[in-house]
N, C-alpha and C. Protein backbone atom coordinates (compact mmCIF):
# COMPACT_ATOMS: atom_id res chain seq x y z
N UNK A 1 -20.74 -10.24 49.57
CA UNK A 1 -20.48 -11.33 48.66
C UNK A 1 -20.30 -10.82 47.23
N UNK A 2 -21.07 -9.83 46.83
CA UNK A 2 -21.00 -9.28 45.49
C UNK A 2 -19.66 -8.57 45.24
N UNK A 3 -19.15 -7.89 46.30
CA UNK A 3 -17.87 -7.21 46.16
C UNK A 3 -16.74 -8.22 45.94
N UNK A 4 -16.80 -9.33 46.60
CA UNK A 4 -15.75 -10.35 46.48
C UNK A 4 -15.75 -10.93 45.07
N UNK A 5 -16.92 -11.19 44.52
CA UNK A 5 -17.00 -11.73 43.16
C UNK A 5 -16.50 -10.71 42.14
N UNK A 6 -16.79 -9.45 42.36
CA UNK A 6 -16.31 -8.41 41.45
C UNK A 6 -14.79 -8.31 41.50
N UNK A 7 -14.22 -8.35 42.68
CA UNK A 7 -12.76 -8.29 42.83
C UNK A 7 -12.11 -9.50 42.18
N UNK A 8 -12.66 -10.68 42.38
CA UNK A 8 -12.12 -11.90 41.76
C UNK A 8 -12.20 -11.81 40.24
N UNK A 9 -13.30 -11.31 39.74
CA UNK A 9 -13.46 -11.15 38.29
C UNK A 9 -12.43 -10.19 37.71
N UNK A 10 -12.22 -9.06 38.38
CA UNK A 10 -11.23 -8.07 37.91
C UNK A 10 -9.83 -8.68 37.95
N UNK A 11 -9.50 -9.40 39.01
CA UNK A 11 -8.17 -10.03 39.10
C UNK A 11 -7.99 -11.06 37.99
N UNK A 12 -9.01 -11.86 37.71
CA UNK A 12 -8.91 -12.85 36.63
C UNK A 12 -8.73 -12.18 35.27
N UNK A 13 -9.42 -11.07 35.05
CA UNK A 13 -9.26 -10.36 33.77
C UNK A 13 -7.84 -9.85 33.63
N UNK A 14 -7.27 -9.28 34.67
CA UNK A 14 -5.89 -8.80 34.61
C UNK A 14 -4.90 -9.95 34.39
N UNK A 15 -5.12 -11.08 35.07
CA UNK A 15 -4.23 -12.24 34.90
C UNK A 15 -4.31 -12.77 33.47
N UNK A 16 -5.53 -12.92 32.94
CA UNK A 16 -5.68 -13.41 31.57
C UNK A 16 -5.06 -12.42 30.57
N UNK A 17 -5.23 -11.14 30.78
CA UNK A 17 -4.62 -10.14 29.91
C UNK A 17 -3.11 -10.20 29.94
N UNK A 18 -2.54 -10.37 31.14
CA UNK A 18 -1.09 -10.47 31.27
C UNK A 18 -0.57 -11.73 30.58
N UNK A 19 -1.26 -12.85 30.75
CA UNK A 19 -0.83 -14.09 30.10
C UNK A 19 -0.92 -13.97 28.58
N UNK A 20 -1.97 -13.36 28.10
CA UNK A 20 -2.09 -13.17 26.65
C UNK A 20 -0.97 -12.27 26.13
N UNK A 21 -0.62 -11.25 26.86
CA UNK A 21 0.45 -10.34 26.46
C UNK A 21 1.80 -11.05 26.46
N UNK A 22 2.06 -11.86 27.45
CA UNK A 22 3.35 -12.54 27.57
C UNK A 22 3.50 -13.66 26.54
N UNK A 23 2.46 -14.46 26.35
CA UNK A 23 2.57 -15.65 25.50
C UNK A 23 2.01 -15.47 24.10
N UNK A 24 1.82 -14.26 23.66
CA UNK A 24 1.34 -14.02 22.30
C UNK A 24 2.44 -14.41 21.32
N UNK A 25 2.25 -15.44 20.50
CA UNK A 25 3.32 -15.92 19.63
C UNK A 25 3.61 -15.01 18.45
N UNK A 26 2.65 -14.23 18.02
CA UNK A 26 2.85 -13.39 16.84
C UNK A 26 2.27 -12.00 17.08
N UNK A 27 2.99 -11.16 17.84
CA UNK A 27 2.45 -9.84 18.12
C UNK A 27 2.42 -8.97 16.85
N UNK A 28 1.43 -8.13 16.77
CA UNK A 28 1.28 -7.23 15.62
C UNK A 28 2.01 -5.93 15.94
N UNK A 29 2.88 -5.52 15.03
CA UNK A 29 3.56 -4.25 15.19
C UNK A 29 2.84 -3.22 14.34
N UNK A 30 2.42 -2.16 14.97
CA UNK A 30 1.71 -1.12 14.24
C UNK A 30 2.72 -0.08 13.77
N UNK A 31 2.77 0.11 12.47
CA UNK A 31 3.69 1.08 11.90
C UNK A 31 2.88 2.19 11.24
N UNK A 32 3.22 3.39 11.55
CA UNK A 32 2.53 4.53 10.95
C UNK A 32 3.41 5.03 9.82
N UNK A 33 2.88 4.91 8.60
CA UNK A 33 3.64 5.36 7.45
C UNK A 33 3.34 6.82 7.16
N UNK A 34 4.39 7.53 6.81
CA UNK A 34 4.20 8.94 6.48
C UNK A 34 3.56 9.05 5.11
N UNK A 35 2.65 10.00 4.93
CA UNK A 35 2.03 10.16 3.61
C UNK A 35 3.06 10.63 2.57
N UNK A 36 2.86 10.18 1.34
CA UNK A 36 3.77 10.52 0.26
C UNK A 36 3.11 11.58 -0.62
N UNK A 37 3.84 12.63 -0.90
CA UNK A 37 3.34 13.67 -1.80
C UNK A 37 4.25 13.70 -3.03
N UNK A 38 3.70 13.39 -4.19
CA UNK A 38 4.48 13.37 -5.42
C UNK A 38 4.61 14.79 -5.98
N UNK A 39 5.72 15.03 -6.64
CA UNK A 39 5.91 16.32 -7.28
C UNK A 39 4.99 16.43 -8.49
N UNK A 40 4.82 17.62 -9.00
CA UNK A 40 3.91 17.83 -10.13
C UNK A 40 4.64 17.78 -11.46
N UNK A 41 5.73 17.05 -11.50
CA UNK A 41 6.45 16.90 -12.76
C UNK A 41 5.63 16.10 -13.75
N UNK A 42 5.90 16.30 -15.03
CA UNK A 42 5.24 15.54 -16.08
C UNK A 42 6.29 15.03 -17.04
N UNK A 43 6.01 13.89 -17.66
CA UNK A 43 6.93 13.31 -18.64
C UNK A 43 6.25 13.36 -20.01
N UNK A 44 7.01 13.79 -21.00
CA UNK A 44 6.50 13.85 -22.36
C UNK A 44 6.62 12.48 -23.00
N UNK A 45 5.51 11.97 -23.50
CA UNK A 45 5.48 10.67 -24.16
C UNK A 45 5.76 10.84 -25.66
N UNK A 46 6.13 9.75 -26.35
CA UNK A 46 6.44 9.83 -27.78
C UNK A 46 5.27 10.32 -28.63
N UNK A 47 4.04 10.10 -28.17
CA UNK A 47 2.90 10.54 -28.96
C UNK A 47 2.53 12.00 -28.71
N UNK A 48 3.30 12.68 -27.85
CA UNK A 48 3.06 14.10 -27.58
C UNK A 48 2.22 14.35 -26.34
N UNK A 49 1.69 13.31 -25.72
CA UNK A 49 0.90 13.49 -24.50
C UNK A 49 1.84 13.51 -23.29
N UNK A 50 1.30 13.91 -22.17
CA UNK A 50 2.08 13.98 -20.94
C UNK A 50 1.47 13.04 -19.91
N UNK A 51 2.32 12.47 -19.07
CA UNK A 51 1.86 11.65 -17.94
C UNK A 51 2.51 12.18 -16.68
N UNK A 52 1.79 12.04 -15.56
CA UNK A 52 2.30 12.50 -14.27
C UNK A 52 2.75 11.35 -13.40
N UNK A 53 3.16 11.70 -12.20
CA UNK A 53 3.61 10.70 -11.24
C UNK A 53 2.43 10.20 -10.40
N UNK A 54 2.52 8.95 -9.96
CA UNK A 54 1.49 8.40 -9.07
C UNK A 54 2.05 7.19 -8.33
N UNK A 55 1.31 6.71 -7.38
CA UNK A 55 1.70 5.52 -6.63
C UNK A 55 2.54 5.85 -5.42
N UNK A 56 2.84 4.84 -4.61
CA UNK A 56 3.58 5.08 -3.37
C UNK A 56 5.04 5.47 -3.60
N UNK A 57 5.60 5.15 -4.76
CA UNK A 57 6.99 5.51 -5.05
C UNK A 57 7.08 6.68 -6.02
N UNK A 58 5.96 7.31 -6.32
CA UNK A 58 5.90 8.48 -7.20
C UNK A 58 6.54 8.22 -8.56
N UNK A 59 6.25 7.07 -9.14
CA UNK A 59 6.78 6.74 -10.46
C UNK A 59 5.86 7.32 -11.53
N UNK A 60 6.43 7.59 -12.70
CA UNK A 60 5.61 8.09 -13.81
C UNK A 60 4.66 7.00 -14.28
N UNK A 61 3.46 7.39 -14.63
CA UNK A 61 2.51 6.45 -15.22
C UNK A 61 3.05 6.02 -16.58
N UNK A 62 2.55 4.92 -17.09
CA UNK A 62 2.99 4.42 -18.40
C UNK A 62 2.40 5.30 -19.51
N UNK A 63 3.20 5.52 -20.54
CA UNK A 63 2.72 6.28 -21.69
C UNK A 63 1.71 5.45 -22.47
N UNK A 64 0.72 6.10 -23.07
CA UNK A 64 -0.22 5.35 -23.89
C UNK A 64 0.48 4.78 -25.12
N UNK A 65 0.06 3.60 -25.55
CA UNK A 65 0.67 2.96 -26.71
C UNK A 65 0.01 3.54 -27.97
N UNK A 66 0.81 4.06 -28.90
CA UNK A 66 0.23 4.59 -30.14
C UNK A 66 -0.47 3.50 -30.94
N UNK A 67 -1.56 3.86 -31.60
CA UNK A 67 -2.33 2.87 -32.36
C UNK A 67 -1.51 2.25 -33.49
N UNK A 68 -0.58 3.02 -34.08
CA UNK A 68 0.22 2.47 -35.17
C UNK A 68 1.32 1.53 -34.68
N UNK A 69 1.51 1.42 -33.36
CA UNK A 69 2.53 0.53 -32.81
C UNK A 69 1.99 -0.88 -32.60
N UNK A 70 0.69 -1.06 -32.62
CA UNK A 70 0.09 -2.38 -32.41
C UNK A 70 -0.08 -3.07 -33.76
N UNK A 71 0.56 -4.21 -33.91
CA UNK A 71 0.51 -4.96 -35.17
C UNK A 71 -0.75 -5.84 -35.21
N UNK A 72 -1.01 -6.44 -36.36
CA UNK A 72 -2.22 -7.24 -36.54
C UNK A 72 -2.27 -8.45 -35.62
N UNK A 73 -1.11 -9.03 -35.29
CA UNK A 73 -1.10 -10.21 -34.42
C UNK A 73 -1.17 -9.84 -32.93
N UNK A 74 -1.29 -8.56 -32.60
CA UNK A 74 -1.43 -8.11 -31.23
C UNK A 74 -0.13 -7.74 -30.55
N UNK A 75 1.01 -7.95 -31.21
CA UNK A 75 2.29 -7.56 -30.62
C UNK A 75 2.50 -6.07 -30.83
N UNK A 76 3.48 -5.54 -30.11
CA UNK A 76 3.78 -4.11 -30.18
C UNK A 76 5.08 -3.92 -30.95
N UNK A 77 5.05 -3.00 -31.88
CA UNK A 77 6.23 -2.67 -32.68
C UNK A 77 7.05 -1.68 -31.88
N UNK A 78 8.20 -2.12 -31.34
CA UNK A 78 8.98 -1.25 -30.46
C UNK A 78 9.61 -0.04 -31.16
N UNK A 79 10.00 -0.06 -32.43
CA UNK A 79 10.54 1.18 -33.02
C UNK A 79 9.51 2.30 -33.06
N UNK A 80 8.22 1.98 -33.09
CA UNK A 80 7.19 3.02 -33.11
C UNK A 80 7.10 3.72 -31.77
N UNK A 81 7.62 3.09 -30.70
CA UNK A 81 7.57 3.70 -29.38
C UNK A 81 8.68 4.70 -29.17
N UNK A 82 9.68 4.70 -29.97
CA UNK A 82 10.83 5.60 -29.78
C UNK A 82 10.57 6.96 -30.34
């Protein structure tokens, strides 16, 4: 009797697994992304400092804003950035 219940249980598990596989409305696709290695290039900023690349697209980091470029009202003076 125990063997019959075990066989029925295994068959039910396989049937439920098959139904879940067939009728899954939103299957998850697993994508393996290749790691990104950025080059060791550096960009010279207007203030004389250097910034490197970072992020998934290997873009240069933003240059620091010079203190003399920030006006009293909090806006940035763009000619000072050139």
